[in-house]
N, C-alpha and C. Protein backbone atom coordinates (compact mmCIF):
# COMPACT_ATOMS: atom_id res chain seq x y z
N MET A 1 13.57 1.75 -15.09
CA MET A 1 13.67 0.82 -14.04
C MET A 1 13.24 -0.58 -14.45
N SER A 2 14.09 -1.57 -14.17
CA SER A 2 13.72 -2.90 -14.68
C SER A 2 12.63 -3.56 -13.90
N GLU A 3 11.99 -4.53 -14.52
CA GLU A 3 10.78 -5.21 -13.90
C GLU A 3 11.23 -5.86 -12.54
N GLN A 4 12.48 -6.46 -12.53
CA GLN A 4 12.92 -7.05 -11.24
C GLN A 4 13.19 -5.98 -10.23
N ASN A 5 13.76 -4.86 -10.61
CA ASN A 5 14.03 -3.75 -9.71
C ASN A 5 12.67 -3.31 -9.09
N PHE A 6 11.71 -3.17 -10.03
CA PHE A 6 10.37 -2.73 -9.58
C PHE A 6 9.79 -3.71 -8.56
N GLN A 7 9.90 -4.97 -8.76
CA GLN A 7 9.44 -6.06 -7.89
C GLN A 7 10.11 -5.87 -6.50
N ASP A 8 11.35 -5.63 -6.54
CA ASP A 8 12.14 -5.50 -5.29
C ASP A 8 11.69 -4.29 -4.49
N ARG A 9 11.48 -3.20 -5.21
CA ARG A 9 10.98 -2.00 -4.56
C ARG A 9 9.59 -2.17 -3.96
N MET A 10 8.75 -2.84 -4.72
CA MET A 10 7.34 -3.04 -4.22
C MET A 10 7.50 -3.97 -2.94
N ALA A 11 8.35 -4.99 -2.92
CA ALA A 11 8.49 -5.91 -1.79
C ALA A 11 8.95 -5.08 -0.52
N GLU A 12 9.91 -4.21 -0.84
CA GLU A 12 10.40 -3.34 0.35
C GLU A 12 9.33 -2.52 0.93
N ALA A 13 8.54 -1.92 0.04
CA ALA A 13 7.39 -1.04 0.38
C ALA A 13 6.34 -1.81 1.22
N SER A 14 6.04 -3.09 0.64
CA SER A 14 5.06 -3.85 1.34
C SER A 14 5.51 -4.25 2.77
N GLU A 15 6.82 -4.54 2.90
CA GLU A 15 7.37 -4.92 4.23
C GLU A 15 7.31 -3.71 5.15
N ALA A 16 7.60 -2.52 4.66
CA ALA A 16 7.54 -1.33 5.53
C ALA A 16 6.16 -1.09 5.97
N VAL A 17 5.18 -1.22 5.08
CA VAL A 17 3.79 -1.07 5.41
C VAL A 17 3.38 -2.07 6.48
N TYR A 18 3.74 -3.32 6.24
CA TYR A 18 3.43 -4.35 7.20
C TYR A 18 4.02 -4.13 8.64
N GLN A 19 5.28 -3.72 8.67
CA GLN A 19 5.88 -3.36 9.97
C GLN A 19 5.12 -2.19 10.67
N GLN A 20 4.69 -1.24 9.80
CA GLN A 20 3.89 -0.10 10.40
C GLN A 20 2.63 -0.56 10.92
N ILE A 21 1.95 -1.40 10.15
CA ILE A 21 0.66 -1.93 10.64
C ILE A 21 0.83 -2.67 11.98
N LEU A 22 1.90 -3.41 12.12
CA LEU A 22 2.10 -4.18 13.36
C LEU A 22 2.19 -3.22 14.54
N THR A 23 2.68 -2.03 14.35
CA THR A 23 2.87 -1.10 15.48
C THR A 23 1.70 -0.16 15.67
N ASN A 24 0.74 -0.18 14.77
CA ASN A 24 -0.46 0.64 14.85
C ASN A 24 -1.52 0.02 15.72
N SER A 25 -2.46 0.85 16.15
CA SER A 25 -3.66 0.28 16.86
C SER A 25 -4.56 -0.44 15.85
N VAL A 26 -5.42 -1.25 16.36
CA VAL A 26 -6.36 -1.97 15.52
C VAL A 26 -7.21 -0.97 14.77
N GLN A 27 -7.66 0.13 15.32
CA GLN A 27 -8.48 1.10 14.64
C GLN A 27 -7.73 1.63 13.46
N ASP A 28 -6.45 1.99 13.70
CA ASP A 28 -5.64 2.55 12.57
C ASP A 28 -5.47 1.55 11.43
N VAL A 29 -5.36 0.25 11.86
CA VAL A 29 -5.19 -0.80 10.81
C VAL A 29 -6.45 -0.88 9.97
N GLU A 30 -7.56 -0.89 10.68
CA GLU A 30 -8.87 -0.93 10.02
C GLU A 30 -9.04 0.21 9.07
N ALA A 31 -8.68 1.38 9.50
CA ALA A 31 -8.83 2.62 8.62
C ALA A 31 -7.90 2.44 7.41
N ALA A 32 -6.71 1.93 7.67
CA ALA A 32 -5.76 1.76 6.52
C ALA A 32 -6.17 0.72 5.57
N LEU A 33 -6.84 -0.32 6.04
CA LEU A 33 -7.30 -1.38 5.20
C LEU A 33 -8.50 -0.93 4.35
N MET A 34 -9.39 -0.09 4.98
CA MET A 34 -10.49 0.47 4.24
C MET A 34 -10.03 1.46 3.17
N GLN A 35 -8.97 2.25 3.49
CA GLN A 35 -8.44 3.18 2.44
C GLN A 35 -7.77 2.40 1.40
N ALA A 36 -7.02 1.31 1.70
CA ALA A 36 -6.34 0.60 0.64
C ALA A 36 -7.39 -0.18 -0.22
N HIS A 37 -8.45 -0.58 0.29
CA HIS A 37 -9.48 -1.27 -0.44
C HIS A 37 -10.22 -0.24 -1.40
N HIS A 38 -10.33 0.93 -0.81
CA HIS A 38 -11.01 2.04 -1.60
C HIS A 38 -10.07 2.40 -2.78
N ASN A 39 -8.81 2.53 -2.47
CA ASN A 39 -7.81 2.89 -3.59
C ASN A 39 -7.77 1.76 -4.61
N ALA A 40 -7.80 0.55 -4.21
CA ALA A 40 -7.66 -0.59 -5.13
C ALA A 40 -8.90 -0.70 -5.98
N SER A 41 -10.01 -0.19 -5.51
CA SER A 41 -11.22 -0.40 -6.35
C SER A 41 -11.41 0.78 -7.22
N GLN A 42 -10.55 1.76 -7.18
CA GLN A 42 -10.64 2.95 -8.08
C GLN A 42 -10.04 2.69 -9.39
N PRO A 43 -10.52 3.28 -10.52
CA PRO A 43 -9.93 3.14 -11.83
C PRO A 43 -8.50 3.66 -11.80
N GLN A 44 -7.67 3.15 -12.67
CA GLN A 44 -6.24 3.49 -12.64
C GLN A 44 -5.93 4.76 -13.43
N ASP A 45 -7.03 5.47 -13.87
CA ASP A 45 -6.72 6.71 -14.67
C ASP A 45 -6.82 7.95 -13.87
N THR A 46 -6.58 7.89 -12.53
CA THR A 46 -6.73 8.96 -11.63
C THR A 46 -5.37 9.47 -11.21
N GLN A 47 -4.31 9.30 -12.09
CA GLN A 47 -3.00 9.72 -11.79
C GLN A 47 -2.80 11.21 -11.83
N GLY A 48 -3.58 11.91 -12.63
CA GLY A 48 -3.34 13.33 -12.90
C GLY A 48 -4.10 14.28 -11.96
N ARG A 49 -3.94 14.04 -10.61
CA ARG A 49 -4.68 14.82 -9.68
C ARG A 49 -3.76 16.04 -9.23
């Protein structure tokens, strides 16, 4: 997959997540943000679960 293709896929995924957040309750959004922050702070070598 090319770099541009990857960027496009990521943009589509981000848009989908954004749309979902808009339709969720504030509590769900907060939980999702906490989970995303938790995931982002993890080392990237946890792929083999």
